[in-house]
C-alpha atoms as a PDB file:
ATOM      1  CA  MET A   1     -17.837  31.120 -12.194  1.00  0.00           C
ATOM      2  CA  ALA A   2     -17.943  33.499 -15.132  1.00  0.00           C
ATOM      3  CA  LEU A   3     -14.872  34.392 -17.130  1.00  0.00           C
ATOM      4  CA  GLY A   4     -14.650  37.265 -19.518  1.00  0.00           C
ATOM      5  CA  VAL A   5     -11.984  39.225 -21.316  1.00  0.00           C
ATOM      6  CA  GLY A   6     -10.209  41.277 -18.696  1.00  0.00           C
ATOM      7  CA  CYS A   7     -12.423  40.285 -15.782  1.00  0.00           C
ATOM      8  CA  VAL A   8     -12.875  37.348 -13.471  1.00  0.00           C
ATOM      9  CA  SER A   9     -15.774  37.007 -11.096  1.00  0.00           C
ATOM     10  CA  GLU A  10     -15.497  34.723  -8.107  1.00  0.00           C
ATOM     11  CA  PRO A  11     -18.145  32.083  -7.453  1.00  0.00           C
ATOM     12  CA  PRO A  12     -20.338  32.593  -4.398  1.00  0.00           C
ATOM     13  CA  ALA A  13     -18.833  31.259  -1.153  1.00  0.00           C
ATOM     14  CA  GLU A  14     -21.529  28.577  -0.825  1.00  0.00           C
ATOM     15  CA  GLU A  15     -20.585  27.173  -4.252  1.00  0.00           C
ATOM     16  CA  VAL A  16     -16.920  27.047  -3.247  1.00  0.00           C
ATOM     17  CA  LYS A  17     -17.762  25.325   0.052  1.00  0.00           C
ATOM     18  CA  ALA A  18     -20.005  22.785  -1.716  1.00  0.00           C
ATOM     19  CA  ALA A  19     -17.257  22.001  -4.252  1.00  0.00           C
ATOM     20  CA  VAL A  20     -14.648  21.564  -1.502  1.00  0.00           C
ATOM     21  CA  ASP A  21     -16.981  19.363   0.577  1.00  0.00           C
ATOM     22  CA  LYS A  22     -17.672  17.187  -2.468  1.00  0.00           C
ATOM     23  CA  ALA A  23     -13.956  16.803  -3.253  1.00  0.00           C
ATOM     24  CA  VAL A  24     -13.075  15.968   0.359  1.00  0.00           C
ATOM     25  CA  SER A  25     -15.790  13.317   0.679  1.00  0.00           C
ATOM     26  CA  ALA A  26     -14.803  11.756  -2.665  1.00  0.00           C
ATOM     27  CA  ALA A  27     -11.129  11.554  -1.702  1.00  0.00           C
ATOM     28  CA  ARG A  28     -11.287   9.252   1.295  1.00  0.00           C
ATOM     29  CA  MET A  29      -7.832   8.432   2.557  1.00  0.00           C
ATOM     30  CA  GLN A  30      -6.922   4.778   3.018  1.00  0.00           C
ATOM     31  CA  PRO A  31      -4.006   3.917   5.302  1.00  0.00           C
ATOM     32  CA  LEU A  32      -1.432   1.748   3.562  1.00  0.00           C
ATOM     33  CA  GLU A  33       0.324  -1.203   5.108  1.00  0.00           C
ATOM     34  CA  CYS A  34       3.717  -0.811   3.456  1.00  0.00           C
ATOM     35  CA  HIS A  35       6.492  -3.293   2.775  1.00  0.00           C
ATOM     36  CA  VAL A  36       9.784  -2.898   4.640  1.00  0.00           C
ATOM     37  CA  MET A  37      13.025  -3.681   2.825  1.00  0.00           C
ATOM     38  CA  SER A  38      16.070  -4.722   4.808  1.00  0.00           C
ATOM     39  CA  TYR A  39      19.517  -4.070   3.364  1.00  0.00           C
ATOM     40  CA  ALA A  40      22.925  -4.068   5.083  1.00  0.00           C
ATOM     41  CA  TRP A  41      23.225  -0.293   4.614  1.00  0.00           C
ATOM     42  CA  GLY A  42      20.023   0.375   6.579  1.00  0.00           C
ATOM     43  CA  LYS A  43      19.951   1.499  10.178  1.00  0.00           C
ATOM     44  CA  GLU A  44      19.257  -1.079  12.868  1.00  0.00           C
ATOM     45  CA  GLY A  45      16.201  -1.244  15.117  1.00  0.00           C
ATOM     46  CA  VAL A  46      14.894   1.991  16.627  1.00  0.00           C
ATOM     47  CA  GLU A  47      17.722   3.937  14.984  1.00  0.00           C
ATOM     48  CA  SER A  48      15.899   3.406  11.673  1.00  0.00           C
ATOM     49  CA  LEU A  49      13.074   5.771  10.788  1.00  0.00           C
ATOM     50  CA  VAL A  50      11.820   3.062   8.414  1.00  0.00           C
ATOM     51  CA  GLY A  51      11.682   0.576  11.279  1.00  0.00           C
ATOM     52  CA  ARG A  52       9.861   3.024  13.532  1.00  0.00           C
ATOM     53  CA  LEU A  53       7.324   3.845  10.817  1.00  0.00           C
ATOM     54  CA  ALA A  54       6.787   0.150  10.121  1.00  0.00           C
ATOM     55  CA  GLN A  55       5.832  -0.350  13.774  1.00  0.00           C
ATOM     56  CA  GLN A  56       2.510   1.295  12.867  1.00  0.00           C
ATOM     57  CA  THR A  57       1.719  -1.780  10.764  1.00  0.00           C
ATOM     58  CA  ASP A  58      -0.215  -4.587  12.430  1.00  0.00           C
ATOM     59  CA  GLY A  59       1.994  -7.566  13.163  1.00  0.00           C
ATOM     60  CA  PHE A  60       5.334  -5.821  12.536  1.00  0.00           C
ATOM     61  CA  GLU A  61       7.936  -6.504  15.218  1.00  0.00           C
ATOM     62  CA  LEU A  62      10.997  -4.301  15.313  1.00  0.00           C
ATOM     63  CA  ASN A  63      14.243  -6.267  15.670  1.00  0.00           C
ATOM     64  CA  ASP A  64      17.092  -4.253  17.233  1.00  0.00           C
ATOM     65  CA  LYS A  65      19.696  -6.228  15.249  1.00  0.00           C
ATOM     66  CA  LYS A  66      18.019  -5.976  11.833  1.00  0.00           C
ATOM     67  CA  PRO A  67      18.798  -3.131   9.406  1.00  0.00           C
ATOM     68  CA  TYR A  68      15.723  -1.428   7.951  1.00  0.00           C
ATOM     69  CA  ALA A  69      16.467   0.495   4.769  1.00  0.00           C
ATOM     70  CA  GLU A  70      13.378   1.262   2.689  1.00  0.00           C
ATOM     71  CA  LEU A  71       9.632   1.561   3.176  1.00  0.00           C
ATOM     72  CA  TRP A  72       7.975   0.637  -0.104  1.00  0.00           C
ATOM     73  CA  MET A  73       4.623   2.168  -0.950  1.00  0.00           C
ATOM     74  CA  GLY A  74       2.921   0.950  -4.076  1.00  0.00           C
ATOM     75  CA  THR A  75       2.230  -2.150  -6.114  1.00  0.00           C
ATOM     76  CA  HIS A  76       5.731  -3.489  -6.854  1.00  0.00           C
ATOM     77  CA  PRO A  77       5.512  -7.314  -6.936  1.00  0.00           C
ATOM     78  CA  ASN A  78       8.529  -7.676  -4.601  1.00  0.00           C
ATOM     79  CA  GLY A  79       6.926  -5.531  -1.898  1.00  0.00           C
ATOM     80  CA  PRO A  80       3.318  -4.580  -2.517  1.00  0.00           C
ATOM     81  CA  SER A  81       1.387  -2.394  -0.093  1.00  0.00           C
ATOM     82  CA  SER A  82      -1.994  -3.455   1.239  1.00  0.00           C
ATOM     83  CA  VAL A  83      -5.183  -1.652   2.240  1.00  0.00           C
ATOM     84  CA  ARG A  84      -7.795  -2.736   4.780  1.00  0.00           C
ATOM     85  CA  ARG A  85     -11.225  -3.388   3.327  1.00  0.00           C
ATOM     86  CA  ASN A  86     -13.910  -4.601   5.714  1.00  0.00           C
ATOM     87  CA  GLY A  87     -11.212  -5.546   8.217  1.00  0.00           C
ATOM     88  CA  GLU A  88      -9.274  -7.687   5.708  1.00  0.00           C
ATOM     89  CA  LEU A  89      -5.924  -6.804   4.139  1.00  0.00           C
ATOM     90  CA  VAL A  90      -6.224  -6.502   0.362  1.00  0.00           C
ATOM     91  CA  PRO A  91      -3.237  -6.005  -1.985  1.00  0.00           C
ATOM     92  CA  LEU A  92      -3.163  -2.402  -3.205  1.00  0.00           C
ATOM     93  CA  ASP A  93      -3.247  -3.385  -6.894  1.00  0.00           C
ATOM     94  CA  GLU A  94      -6.397  -5.460  -6.314  1.00  0.00           C
ATOM     95  CA  TYR A  95      -8.008  -2.631  -4.337  1.00  0.00           C
ATOM     96  CA  LEU A  96      -7.238  -0.107  -7.080  1.00  0.00           C
ATOM     97  CA  SER A  97      -8.540  -2.355  -9.860  1.00  0.00           C
ATOM     98  CA  GLU A  98     -11.819  -2.927  -7.993  1.00  0.00           C
ATOM     99  CA  SER A  99     -12.367   0.631  -6.769  1.00  0.00           C
ATOM    100  CA  ALA A 100     -12.771   3.153  -9.569  1.00  0.00           C
ATOM    101  CA  SER A 101     -12.939   6.102  -7.150  1.00  0.00           C
ATOM    102  CA  ALA A 102      -9.627   5.075  -5.548  1.00  0.00           C
ATOM    103  CA  ASN A 103      -7.772   5.253  -8.861  1.00  0.00           C
ATOM    104  CA  GLY A 104      -9.314   8.514 -10.016  1.00  0.00           C
ATOM    105  CA  SER A 105     -12.026   7.095 -12.276  1.00  0.00           C
ATOM    106  CA  LYS A 106     -15.677   7.953 -11.941  1.00  0.00           C
ATOM    107  CA  GLU A 107     -17.886   5.099 -10.760  1.00  0.00           C
END
């Protein structure tokens, strides 16, 4: 792409497509297994969006009498998320420290 005073020329379409393809392949999404926090002010069972979202996590069983309040995503020590690597759950902080591309660094 060339820039000049008062003019901008667009890169050829094939260059744009190649750049987009490269960015998409480099940014592989990893599903998180998030931590569910239960507080008295949460909604109970299926009434809770947090509880329903948590049902997507392997091994989570929704309890109709339990209040689900927050879905934590991240590396907080009281409720860290996990990522699957080769079929095994790995804490998100460990995954990020071992995978430069996952934390935005170049490998």
